[in-house]
Amino acid sequence: MFRAIYALRDTRAEHETRIRNLKGLISLARRMPPELLAKIFQHCVEGGWYRAPTVVSQVCSRWRLGTSFPRVWSNVYVNCEDKNPLGRTRHWLSMASQAPLHITVDARINTSDLPDIMDLLLTRVSQWRSFTIITDRYRDANYLLSRCTLPAPDLSEVGVVTEVDFRELVEGGNTDLVGFQDAFQQAPRLTTLKLACNTIQSRSIIPPNILNLSITMGSSRQSNLPLSGASLIQLLESLPLLRQFTMSVPFLCDLQYMPEADFRRTAHIPHLESLEICVPPNVNGILAHLRAPQLRKLHLRSSEDPLGRPHDLTGASLREFIEQSSPPLEILELHDIDAPDDDYAHCLAVLDQLQELRLHETEISDDVVQMLNGPTGYCPRLSRIDLRWCAQLTGRTLVDLVKSRNCGEVTQNGAVAPISEVTVMNCSFVEEQDVLDLSNMTMCRLVLRDSTDHCYQKGCCTNVRYRQRLRLRHLADLIEGRHGRTGLIL
C-alpha cells in the first residue's frame, strides 16, 4: 500500500513538473510576436527606463529575441558614473546597428572618459535624432557642444541641462553656452531646443532656425542670476521662425526678475502658435512686450502658491497682449493665477475664436461667466470649459450657460457652438444637483483628462472622495436611467 502511495506521489510530481514546463511554453511572452515584445521594450525605454534592453534580455530566450531588434537600443544613455562607460556605449551602439539614435550624455561628476565617448558617438552622428547633455559644470557642457561640428542631417532636437556657478561670473567667466556658436551648423533639421539653466542665454547663442524653444530657469543648488525682461525680449525677437515657446521656473524657486523699463519695447514673433509660461506672477508682465498675431494656445501658470486674489499686473498685461496682437486664440488657461473681472470681460469680449477656457484657482465671478450666455454671448466658438477651485462661481450659472448655448438658436452671425464638455472640480458653490443637471445637457467631467493634464503630477485635483460619494449616492439611479440620458464622467 505504501509502495503504491509513493508511486502516486512520484507520478504527481512528474505531472506538476510537466505542467510548469508547459505553462512556460504557453505563456503570453512565448505566444506574443517578437515585434510586439520589441515595441513594449521600446516604450519602457522611452518612459525613462533606459536599462530595459539589458535587464529584460536576462529573463528568457524569448525576451532576448525581443531585444534583438535594433530600435530597442535606439535610446543611448551614457552615464559617466557607470563602470566602463565607454565599453557600455560601444556595446549599445553595436546593438542599435543602423537604427535612429536618441543620445543622452550624463556627465555630472566623472568626466575623464568624455573625449573617448564623444569620439565614439560622433562615428554615428549621421544616425542622431536627438542629443541631450546633463552636467553640473558649464565648461563640460561647452566642451560637449563644441565637439558637435560634424554634419548631422537628421538631428532634430538638442537639450542641455547645466548650471552656472556664481563664482564664475564674479571671476569674469562667460555665462553663455559659447559651445553653441560653432555647433550644429550642419544640422538642417534641428528645430527643437530645450535648455535648463540658472541663467538666460544671449540671442547670439541660440540657432535662429529653432521652431520650438523650452527654457527652464532656476537652480536649487547654485545662486540664480536675475532674469532680465530685456534679455528675454532680445532672445525672442532673434527667433523669427519660433512657433512654440515654453518657459518655466521650479516651484518656489528664488528667482529675481527685472522688468523691462521701456514700455514701448516689444518683441514681434510672427509665427508663434503656442506660448506656455510657468513663472512667478510678476514675470507675467513680459506679456505686454510680446506681439504674437498667430498665437492659438496660451497657458499662464504660477510657479508659486496661489495668491488668493486677482493679480493686477497679470490682468493688465494679458489685456495689453490681446489688444495689440489680436491673436486667434483657441485655448486660454490661467493656472493658480487670477485676473480682475474687468480684464476677464475685456479679453473674452474679443476672443471670437476661443474654443476652450481653463481656469484653476481663480476668483472669476458669475457676472463674467454670464457674459458667455446665449447666441449673442462672448466667445461664440467656445465648446469646452474647465473650472477647478473657482471659489466664487455658482453651479446654477454653469447650468444656465450650457442651457443657453445648447438651444440651437441662430443669429445674424451664425449659430454659436454648443458647450460639448464641462470639467468642474472643487468649486465650492457647484452642488451635486448642478453636476447632474449639467450631465443631462452635455458631457460633465469630474476627473483629470489624461497624464498630460498639468494637475496630474501635482495631485491637486484628484477629487477622489467627492467622486466616490457622488457615485454611492447616485450610481443606481444613473444605471437605471432615472436621471435621463447622462454624460457624467466619474
Protein backbone atom coordinates (compact mmCIF):
# COMPACT_ATOMS: atom_id res chain seq x y z
CA MET A 1 0.00 0.00 0.00
CA PHE A 2 2.77 2.44 0.92
CA ARG A 3 4.58 1.45 -2.26
CA ALA A 4 1.50 2.49 -4.25
CA ILE A 5 1.25 5.81 -2.36
CA TYR A 6 4.91 6.62 -3.08
CA ALA A 7 4.40 5.73 -6.72
CA LEU A 8 1.42 8.07 -6.94
CA ARG A 9 3.45 10.87 -5.31
CA ASP A 10 6.23 10.39 -7.85
CA THR A 11 3.71 10.42 -10.69
CA ARG A 12 2.12 13.58 -9.31
CA ALA A 13 5.50 15.30 -9.04
CA GLU A 14 6.26 14.37 -12.66
CA HIS A 15 2.93 15.82 -13.79
CA GLU A 16 3.49 19.04 -11.83
CA THR A 17 6.92 19.45 -13.40
CA ARG A 18 5.45 18.83 -16.82
CA ILE A 19 2.65 21.34 -16.17
CA ARG A 20 5.16 24.02 -15.16
CA ASN A 21 7.12 23.47 -18.34
CA LEU A 22 4.01 23.58 -20.49
CA LYS A 23 2.78 26.74 -18.75
CA GLY A 24 6.07 28.35 -19.69
CA LEU A 25 5.52 27.34 -23.30
CA ILE A 26 2.01 28.80 -23.47
CA SER A 27 2.82 31.99 -21.54
CA LEU A 28 1.87 35.31 -23.10
CA ALA A 29 5.52 36.17 -23.72
CA ARG A 30 6.01 33.00 -25.79
CA ARG A 31 2.84 33.47 -27.80
CA MET A 32 3.47 37.14 -28.45
CA PRO A 33 5.18 38.08 -31.72
CA PRO A 34 8.75 39.29 -31.10
CA GLU A 35 7.92 42.54 -32.92
CA LEU A 36 5.29 43.31 -30.29
CA LEU A 37 7.70 42.46 -27.47
CA ALA A 38 10.23 44.81 -29.01
CA LYS A 39 7.60 47.56 -29.13
CA ILE A 40 6.82 47.06 -25.42
CA PHE A 41 10.50 47.24 -24.51
CA GLN A 42 10.86 50.36 -26.64
CA HIS A 43 8.02 52.04 -24.72
CA CYS A 44 9.79 51.14 -21.46
CA VAL A 45 12.92 52.91 -22.64
CA GLU A 46 11.00 55.95 -23.85
CA GLY A 47 9.32 56.13 -20.43
CA GLY A 48 12.70 56.60 -18.73
CA TRP A 49 13.83 53.03 -18.01
CA TYR A 50 16.98 53.25 -20.09
CA ARG A 51 18.40 49.92 -18.94
CA ALA A 52 15.35 47.98 -20.11
CA PRO A 53 17.11 46.20 -23.03
CA THR A 54 19.91 44.81 -20.83
CA VAL A 55 17.58 43.84 -17.99
CA VAL A 56 14.84 42.12 -19.99
CA SER A 57 17.35 40.22 -22.13
CA GLN A 58 18.32 38.26 -18.99
CA VAL A 59 14.78 36.96 -18.38
CA CYS A 60 14.42 34.25 -21.02
CA SER A 61 15.35 33.36 -24.58
CA ARG A 62 12.05 34.68 -25.90
CA TRP A 63 12.60 38.09 -24.34
CA ARG A 64 16.14 38.10 -25.71
CA LEU A 65 14.59 37.64 -29.13
CA GLY A 66 12.51 40.78 -28.49
CA THR A 67 15.65 42.76 -27.70
CA SER A 68 17.32 41.70 -30.94
CA PHE A 69 15.55 44.49 -32.82
CA PRO A 70 17.89 47.49 -33.22
CA ARG A 71 15.19 50.07 -32.41
CA VAL A 72 15.01 48.75 -28.84
CA TRP A 73 18.54 50.10 -28.40
CA SER A 74 17.86 53.48 -30.03
CA ASN A 75 17.94 55.38 -26.72
CA VAL A 76 21.61 55.55 -25.77
CA TYR A 77 22.05 56.73 -22.17
CA VAL A 78 25.71 57.33 -21.36
CA ASN A 79 26.23 57.59 -17.60
CA CYS A 80 29.82 58.53 -16.91
CA GLU A 81 29.47 57.24 -13.34
CA ASP A 82 28.96 53.67 -14.54
CA LYS A 83 31.77 51.17 -14.59
CA ASN A 84 33.42 51.20 -18.02
CA PRO A 85 31.02 53.70 -19.67
CA LEU A 86 32.99 53.56 -22.92
CA GLY A 87 32.56 49.79 -23.22
CA ARG A 88 28.86 50.00 -22.40
CA THR A 89 28.35 52.69 -25.03
CA ARG A 90 30.22 50.67 -27.64
CA HIS A 91 28.01 47.62 -26.91
CA TRP A 92 24.84 49.74 -27.05
CA LEU A 93 25.77 51.25 -30.39
CA SER A 94 26.59 47.84 -31.84
CA MET A 95 23.16 46.53 -30.81
CA ALA A 96 21.47 49.64 -32.25
CA SER A 97 23.09 48.95 -35.62
CA GLN A 98 21.70 51.48 -38.14
CA ALA A 99 18.63 52.49 -36.08
CA PRO A 100 17.96 56.18 -35.29
CA LEU A 101 19.75 57.26 -32.11
CA HIS A 102 18.48 59.38 -29.20
CA ILE A 103 21.59 60.10 -27.15
CA THR A 104 21.86 61.37 -23.57
CA VAL A 105 25.27 62.07 -22.01
CA ASP A 106 25.13 62.32 -18.21
CA ALA A 107 28.47 63.74 -17.04
CA ARG A 108 27.75 65.31 -13.69
CA ILE A 109 30.84 64.19 -11.74
CA ASN A 110 33.27 61.89 -13.55
CA THR A 111 34.28 63.36 -16.92
CA SER A 112 37.57 61.57 -17.56
CA ASP A 113 36.11 59.42 -20.36
CA LEU A 114 34.26 62.22 -22.15
CA PRO A 115 36.74 62.70 -25.04
CA ASP A 116 36.77 58.99 -25.90
CA ILE A 117 32.99 58.70 -25.51
CA MET A 118 32.39 61.66 -27.81
CA ASP A 119 34.82 60.21 -30.37
CA LEU A 120 32.75 57.02 -30.35
CA LEU A 121 29.38 58.76 -30.51
CA LEU A 122 30.46 61.02 -33.35
CA THR A 123 31.15 57.99 -35.53
CA ARG A 124 27.35 57.57 -35.61
CA VAL A 125 26.41 61.24 -35.91
CA SER A 126 24.52 60.56 -39.13
CA GLN A 127 22.06 58.47 -37.06
CA TRP A 128 21.45 61.10 -34.37
CA ARG A 129 17.85 62.20 -33.90
CA SER A 130 18.23 63.91 -30.51
CA PHE A 131 21.19 64.82 -28.32
CA THR A 132 20.94 65.74 -24.62
CA ILE A 133 23.67 66.90 -22.25
CA ILE A 134 23.35 66.68 -18.46
CA THR A 135 26.21 68.17 -16.48
CA ASP A 136 26.81 70.31 -13.42
CA ARG A 137 29.66 72.28 -14.96
CA TYR A 138 29.39 74.86 -17.68
CA ARG A 139 32.79 74.09 -19.13
CA ASP A 140 31.80 70.44 -19.66
CA ALA A 141 28.61 71.50 -21.44
CA ASN A 142 30.60 73.86 -23.65
CA TYR A 143 33.14 71.14 -24.40
CA LEU A 144 30.48 68.63 -25.45
CA LEU A 145 28.73 71.22 -27.62
CA SER A 146 31.98 72.32 -29.24
CA ARG A 147 32.57 68.73 -30.41
CA CYS A 148 29.29 68.70 -32.37
CA THR A 149 30.54 70.25 -35.58
CA LEU A 150 30.14 67.29 -37.93
CA PRO A 151 27.17 67.00 -40.32
CA ALA A 152 24.08 65.69 -38.53
CA PRO A 153 21.47 65.52 -41.30
CA ASP A 154 18.65 64.03 -39.21
CA LEU A 155 19.23 65.69 -35.83
CA SER A 156 16.01 67.44 -34.79
CA GLU A 157 16.31 68.07 -31.03
CA VAL A 158 19.04 69.24 -28.65
CA GLY A 159 18.77 69.52 -24.87
CA VAL A 160 21.20 70.98 -22.32
CA VAL A 161 20.81 70.68 -18.55
CA THR A 162 23.53 72.55 -16.68
CA GLU A 163 24.25 75.23 -14.09
CA VAL A 164 26.40 78.33 -13.85
CA ASP A 165 28.50 78.56 -10.73
CA PHE A 166 28.03 82.12 -9.47
CA ARG A 167 31.77 82.30 -8.73
CA GLU A 168 32.49 82.02 -12.45
CA LEU A 169 30.56 85.23 -13.03
CA VAL A 170 32.39 87.01 -10.23
CA GLU A 171 35.70 85.95 -11.75
CA GLY A 172 34.66 87.28 -15.15
CA GLY A 173 33.64 83.97 -16.69
CA ASN A 174 31.21 83.89 -19.61
CA THR A 175 27.79 82.55 -18.65
CA ASP A 176 26.72 81.86 -22.24
CA LEU A 177 26.89 78.40 -23.75
CA VAL A 178 29.55 79.50 -26.21
CA GLY A 179 29.83 75.95 -27.49
CA PHE A 180 26.65 76.61 -29.46
CA GLN A 181 28.40 79.17 -31.67
CA ASP A 182 30.05 76.56 -33.90
CA ALA A 183 27.90 73.54 -33.04
CA PHE A 184 25.17 72.06 -35.24
CA GLN A 185 25.95 74.35 -38.16
CA GLN A 186 25.37 71.34 -40.41
CA ALA A 187 22.13 70.14 -38.82
CA PRO A 188 19.43 71.37 -41.23
CA ARG A 189 16.57 69.63 -39.39
CA LEU A 190 17.37 70.98 -35.93
CA THR A 191 14.13 72.66 -34.82
CA THR A 192 13.78 71.92 -31.08
CA LEU A 193 15.98 73.24 -28.29
CA LYS A 194 15.48 72.55 -24.57
CA LEU A 195 17.58 74.49 -22.07
CA ALA A 196 17.61 74.07 -18.29
CA CYS A 197 19.95 76.53 -16.62
CA ASN A 198 20.03 79.22 -13.95
CA THR A 199 20.73 82.00 -16.45
CA ILE A 200 19.17 83.18 -19.69
CA GLN A 201 21.21 82.79 -22.87
CA SER A 202 22.02 85.71 -25.15
CA ARG A 203 20.38 85.87 -28.55
CA SER A 204 23.65 85.27 -30.41
CA ILE A 205 23.97 81.78 -28.95
CA ILE A 206 20.72 80.06 -29.96
CA PRO A 207 20.46 78.94 -33.61
CA PRO A 208 17.97 81.18 -35.47
CA ASN A 209 16.24 78.25 -37.19
CA ILE A 210 14.74 76.96 -33.92
CA LEU A 211 10.96 76.42 -34.08
CA ASN A 212 10.36 75.01 -30.57
CA LEU A 213 12.18 76.52 -27.60
CA SER A 214 11.84 75.37 -24.00
CA ILE A 215 13.64 77.18 -21.17
CA THR A 216 13.71 76.11 -17.52
CA MET A 217 15.16 78.79 -15.26
CA GLY A 218 16.45 78.47 -11.72
CA SER A 219 18.55 76.10 -9.63
CA SER A 220 18.13 74.66 -6.16
CA ARG A 221 21.90 74.36 -5.60
CA GLN A 222 23.54 77.35 -7.27
CA SER A 223 22.74 81.03 -6.93
CA ASN A 224 20.24 82.14 -9.55
CA LEU A 225 21.21 85.07 -11.73
CA PRO A 226 18.42 87.67 -12.08
CA LEU A 227 16.07 87.18 -15.00
CA SER A 228 16.04 90.30 -17.13
CA GLY A 229 12.97 91.22 -19.13
CA ALA A 230 15.18 93.00 -21.65
CA SER A 231 17.30 89.88 -22.27
CA LEU A 232 14.18 87.76 -22.70
CA ILE A 233 12.75 90.21 -25.23
CA GLN A 234 16.04 90.24 -27.14
CA LEU A 235 16.09 86.45 -27.21
CA LEU A 236 12.55 86.11 -28.56
CA GLU A 237 12.91 88.77 -31.23
CA SER A 238 16.02 87.00 -32.54
CA LEU A 239 13.98 83.87 -33.35
CA PRO A 240 11.65 84.93 -36.19
CA LEU A 241 10.64 81.35 -37.03
CA LEU A 242 9.66 80.39 -33.47
CA ARG A 243 6.33 78.54 -33.25
CA GLN A 244 6.31 77.17 -29.71
CA PHE A 245 7.84 78.75 -26.61
CA THR A 246 7.80 77.28 -23.12
CA MET A 247 9.33 78.93 -20.08
CA SER A 248 9.16 77.52 -16.57
CA VAL A 249 10.62 78.11 -13.13
CA PRO A 250 10.72 75.37 -10.46
CA PHE A 251 8.11 75.64 -7.73
CA LEU A 252 9.01 78.25 -5.10
CA CYS A 253 12.38 78.92 -6.73
CA ASP A 254 14.02 82.13 -5.52
CA LEU A 255 14.33 84.00 -8.81
CA GLN A 256 14.67 87.76 -9.06
CA TYR A 257 13.00 89.39 -12.06
CA MET A 258 14.00 92.75 -13.51
CA PRO A 259 11.21 94.06 -15.79
CA GLU A 260 11.85 95.99 -18.97
CA ALA A 261 11.69 99.70 -18.13
CA ASP A 262 10.78 100.84 -21.64
CA PHE A 263 7.07 100.09 -22.16
CA ARG A 264 7.46 100.71 -25.90
CA ARG A 265 9.98 97.89 -26.29
CA THR A 266 8.34 94.87 -27.96
CA ALA A 267 9.30 91.55 -29.49
CA HIS A 268 7.41 90.64 -32.65
CA ILE A 269 7.09 86.85 -33.02
CA PRO A 270 5.07 86.48 -36.23
CA HIS A 271 4.78 82.68 -36.34
CA LEU A 272 4.36 81.84 -32.64
CA GLU A 273 1.40 79.48 -32.16
CA SER A 274 1.85 78.18 -28.59
CA LEU A 275 3.03 80.08 -25.51
CA GLU A 276 3.34 78.35 -22.14
CA ILE A 277 4.67 80.27 -19.14
CA CYS A 278 5.01 78.83 -15.62
CA VAL A 279 6.72 81.60 -13.66
CA PRO A 280 6.23 83.83 -10.60
CA PRO A 281 3.27 86.19 -11.15
CA ASN A 282 5.39 89.32 -11.59
CA VAL A 283 7.12 87.79 -14.64
CA ASN A 284 3.77 87.76 -16.46
CA GLY A 285 4.40 91.43 -17.15
CA ILE A 286 6.51 90.26 -20.10
CA LEU A 287 3.24 89.64 -21.98
CA ALA A 288 2.79 93.37 -22.50
CA HIS A 289 6.00 93.40 -24.56
CA LEU A 290 5.10 90.49 -26.86
CA ARG A 291 3.32 90.62 -30.21
CA ALA A 292 2.16 87.23 -31.50
CA PRO A 293 -0.58 87.65 -34.13
CA GLN A 294 -0.76 83.89 -34.87
CA LEU A 295 -0.95 82.60 -31.28
CA ARG A 296 -3.51 79.83 -30.77
CA LYS A 297 -2.61 78.41 -27.35
CA LEU A 298 -1.81 80.48 -24.27
CA HIS A 299 -1.06 78.81 -20.92
CA LEU A 300 -0.28 81.07 -17.95
CA ARG A 301 0.72 79.19 -14.80
CA SER A 302 2.16 80.29 -11.50
CA SER A 303 5.27 78.68 -10.03
CA GLU A 304 4.25 79.90 -6.58
CA ASP A 305 1.36 79.22 -4.25
CA PRO A 306 -1.92 80.86 -5.35
CA LEU A 307 -2.25 84.47 -4.25
CA GLY A 308 -5.92 84.11 -3.34
CA ARG A 309 -6.74 87.38 -5.09
CA PRO A 310 -6.67 88.81 -8.62
CA HIS A 311 -3.21 89.80 -9.82
CA ASP A 312 -3.48 93.24 -11.40
CA LEU A 313 -0.23 93.04 -13.38
CA THR A 314 -1.20 89.73 -14.97
CA GLY A 315 -4.64 91.04 -15.90
CA ALA A 316 -3.30 94.27 -17.38
CA SER A 317 -0.50 92.51 -19.29
CA LEU A 318 -2.85 89.87 -20.69
CA ARG A 319 -5.27 92.58 -21.77
CA GLU A 320 -2.49 94.58 -23.45
CA PHE A 321 -1.18 91.50 -25.22
CA ILE A 322 -4.59 90.55 -26.63
CA GLU A 323 -5.37 94.14 -27.64
CA GLN A 324 -2.10 94.64 -29.51
CA SER A 325 -1.68 91.16 -31.01
CA SER A 326 -5.32 90.27 -31.81
CA PRO A 327 -4.39 86.57 -31.77
CA PRO A 328 -6.80 83.84 -32.94
CA LEU A 329 -6.62 82.17 -29.53
CA GLU A 330 -8.27 78.76 -29.33
CA ILE A 331 -7.11 77.70 -25.84
CA LEU A 332 -6.68 80.04 -22.86
CA GLU A 333 -5.50 78.71 -19.49
CA LEU A 334 -4.86 80.51 -16.21
CA HIS A 335 -3.49 78.16 -13.55
CA ASP A 336 -3.04 79.39 -9.96
CA ILE A 337 -3.00 82.95 -11.26
CA ASP A 338 -6.01 85.24 -11.38
CA ALA A 339 -7.05 88.46 -13.09
CA PRO A 340 -9.62 91.13 -12.19
CA ASP A 341 -13.13 90.68 -13.58
CA ASP A 342 -12.78 93.75 -15.80
CA ASP A 343 -9.77 92.24 -17.54
CA TYR A 344 -11.52 88.88 -17.90
CA ALA A 345 -14.51 90.58 -19.50
CA HIS A 346 -12.39 92.67 -21.85
CA CYS A 347 -10.35 89.68 -23.03
CA LEU A 348 -13.33 87.37 -23.54
CA ALA A 349 -15.15 90.05 -25.50
CA VAL A 350 -12.56 89.99 -28.28
CA LEU A 351 -11.64 86.28 -28.35
CA ASP A 352 -14.06 85.23 -31.08
CA GLN A 353 -12.04 82.10 -31.93
CA LEU A 354 -11.72 80.77 -28.37
CA GLN A 355 -12.72 77.10 -28.15
CA GLU A 356 -11.50 76.08 -24.70
CA LEU A 357 -11.22 78.00 -21.42
CA ARG A 358 -9.30 76.55 -18.46
CA LEU A 359 -9.28 78.26 -15.06
CA HIS A 360 -7.59 76.89 -11.93
CA GLU A 361 -7.71 78.63 -8.53
CA THR A 362 -9.35 81.83 -9.79
CA GLU A 363 -11.98 84.16 -8.38
CA ILE A 364 -13.90 84.62 -11.61
CA SER A 365 -17.44 85.76 -10.81
CA ASP A 366 -20.87 84.75 -12.06
CA ASP A 367 -21.18 88.11 -13.81
CA VAL A 368 -18.24 87.36 -16.10
CA VAL A 369 -19.40 83.84 -16.94
CA GLN A 370 -22.90 85.14 -17.71
CA MET A 371 -21.36 87.25 -20.48
CA LEU A 372 -20.89 83.98 -22.38
CA ASN A 373 -24.61 83.15 -22.25
CA GLY A 374 -26.84 82.78 -25.27
CA PRO A 375 -26.39 83.14 -29.01
CA THR A 376 -25.11 86.71 -28.62
CA GLY A 377 -22.67 85.95 -25.80
CA TYR A 378 -18.91 86.34 -25.92
CA CYS A 379 -16.70 83.64 -27.45
CA PRO A 380 -19.23 82.14 -29.92
CA ARG A 381 -16.97 79.14 -30.68
CA LEU A 382 -16.40 78.18 -27.04
CA SER A 383 -17.19 74.48 -26.61
CA ARG A 384 -15.09 73.28 -23.65
CA ILE A 385 -14.85 74.79 -20.16
CA ASP A 386 -12.51 73.52 -17.44
CA LEU A 387 -13.05 75.06 -13.99
CA ARG A 388 -11.17 73.99 -10.86
CA TRP A 389 -11.05 75.60 -7.43
CA CYS A 390 -13.16 78.54 -8.61
CA ALA A 391 -14.42 79.67 -5.22
CA GLN A 392 -16.92 82.34 -6.34
CA LEU A 393 -18.63 80.58 -9.23
CA THR A 394 -22.05 79.00 -8.64
CA GLY A 395 -23.36 75.84 -10.23
CA ARG A 396 -26.60 77.44 -11.45
CA THR A 397 -24.58 79.90 -13.52
CA LEU A 398 -22.90 76.99 -15.29
CA VAL A 399 -26.24 75.26 -15.84
CA ASP A 400 -27.71 78.44 -17.32
CA LEU A 401 -24.66 78.88 -19.56
CA VAL A 402 -24.87 75.38 -21.03
CA LYS A 403 -28.64 75.62 -21.44
CA SER A 404 -28.43 78.96 -23.25
CA ARG A 405 -25.62 77.83 -25.57
CA ASN A 406 -27.18 74.48 -26.44
CA CYS A 407 -30.55 75.82 -27.54
CA GLY A 408 -29.57 75.79 -31.24
CA GLU A 409 -30.69 79.38 -31.86
CA VAL A 410 -29.15 81.08 -34.90
CA THR A 411 -28.25 84.79 -35.08
CA GLN A 412 -27.09 87.04 -37.92
CA ASN A 413 -23.51 85.90 -37.28
CA GLY A 414 -24.48 82.23 -37.45
CA ALA A 415 -25.03 79.57 -34.79
CA VAL A 416 -22.89 79.59 -31.66
CA ALA A 417 -21.02 76.43 -30.71
CA PRO A 418 -22.78 74.33 -28.06
CA ILE A 419 -20.89 73.53 -24.87
CA SER A 420 -19.74 69.97 -25.53
CA GLU A 421 -17.84 69.42 -22.26
CA VAL A 422 -17.69 70.98 -18.80
CA THR A 423 -15.00 69.98 -16.31
CA VAL A 424 -15.72 71.07 -12.77
CA MET A 425 -13.63 70.18 -9.70
CA ASN A 426 -13.52 71.51 -6.16
CA CYS A 427 -15.73 74.51 -6.88
CA SER A 428 -17.39 75.32 -3.55
CA PHE A 429 -20.74 76.54 -4.89
CA VAL A 430 -21.28 73.85 -7.52
CA GLU A 431 -23.71 71.40 -5.91
CA GLU A 432 -24.37 67.76 -6.74
CA GLN A 433 -27.66 68.65 -8.39
CA ASP A 434 -25.85 71.16 -10.59
CA VAL A 435 -23.46 68.41 -11.70
CA LEU A 436 -26.37 66.09 -12.52
CA ASP A 437 -28.16 68.85 -14.43
CA LEU A 438 -25.02 69.57 -16.42
CA SER A 439 -24.56 65.88 -17.24
CA ASN A 440 -28.09 65.77 -18.67
CA MET A 441 -27.24 68.52 -21.16
CA THR A 442 -23.59 67.87 -22.02
CA MET A 443 -20.50 65.93 -21.04
CA CYS A 444 -19.65 66.72 -17.41
CA ARG A 445 -16.18 65.63 -16.33
CA LEU A 446 -15.12 65.22 -12.69
CA VAL A 447 -11.75 63.60 -13.39
CA LEU A 448 -8.47 64.67 -14.97
CA ARG A 449 -8.22 64.47 -18.73
CA ASP A 450 -5.09 62.28 -19.03
CA SER A 451 -1.45 62.10 -17.95
CA THR A 452 -0.70 65.32 -19.86
CA ASP A 453 -3.01 67.27 -17.54
CA HIS A 454 -0.95 69.81 -15.57
CA CYS A 455 -2.66 68.71 -12.33
CA TYR A 456 -1.73 65.07 -12.92
CA GLN A 457 1.75 65.44 -11.39
CA LYS A 458 0.73 67.95 -8.72
CA GLY A 459 -2.11 65.78 -7.41
CA CYS A 460 -4.22 68.82 -6.51
CA CYS A 461 -7.37 67.73 -8.35
CA THR A 462 -7.74 64.00 -7.71
CA ASN A 463 -11.22 64.64 -6.31
CA VAL A 464 -11.43 61.04 -5.07
CA ARG A 465 -13.72 61.43 -2.05
CA TYR A 466 -16.20 63.66 -3.83
CA ARG A 467 -16.46 61.30 -6.79
CA GLN A 468 -16.84 58.28 -4.51
CA ARG A 469 -19.60 59.99 -2.52
CA LEU A 470 -21.39 61.01 -5.70
CA ARG A 471 -21.07 57.50 -7.08
CA LEU A 472 -22.51 55.90 -3.95
CA ARG A 473 -25.44 58.29 -3.84
CA HIS A 474 -26.46 58.28 -7.47
CA LEU A 475 -24.91 55.29 -9.21
CA ALA A 476 -28.04 53.14 -9.01
CA ASP A 477 -30.18 55.96 -10.40
CA LEU A 478 -27.69 56.60 -13.17
CA ILE A 479 -27.60 52.93 -14.17
CA GLU A 480 -31.39 52.68 -14.23
CA GLY A 481 -31.67 55.93 -16.17
CA ARG A 482 -33.73 57.80 -13.60
CA HIS A 483 -31.74 60.97 -14.32
CA GLY A 484 -32.31 60.58 -18.04
CA ARG A 485 -29.51 60.44 -20.57
CA THR A 486 -26.34 61.37 -18.72
CA GLY A 487 -22.87 62.40 -19.81
CA LEU A 488 -21.27 62.19 -16.38
CA ILE A 489 -17.61 61.12 -16.34
CA LEU A 490 -16.67 59.93 -12.87
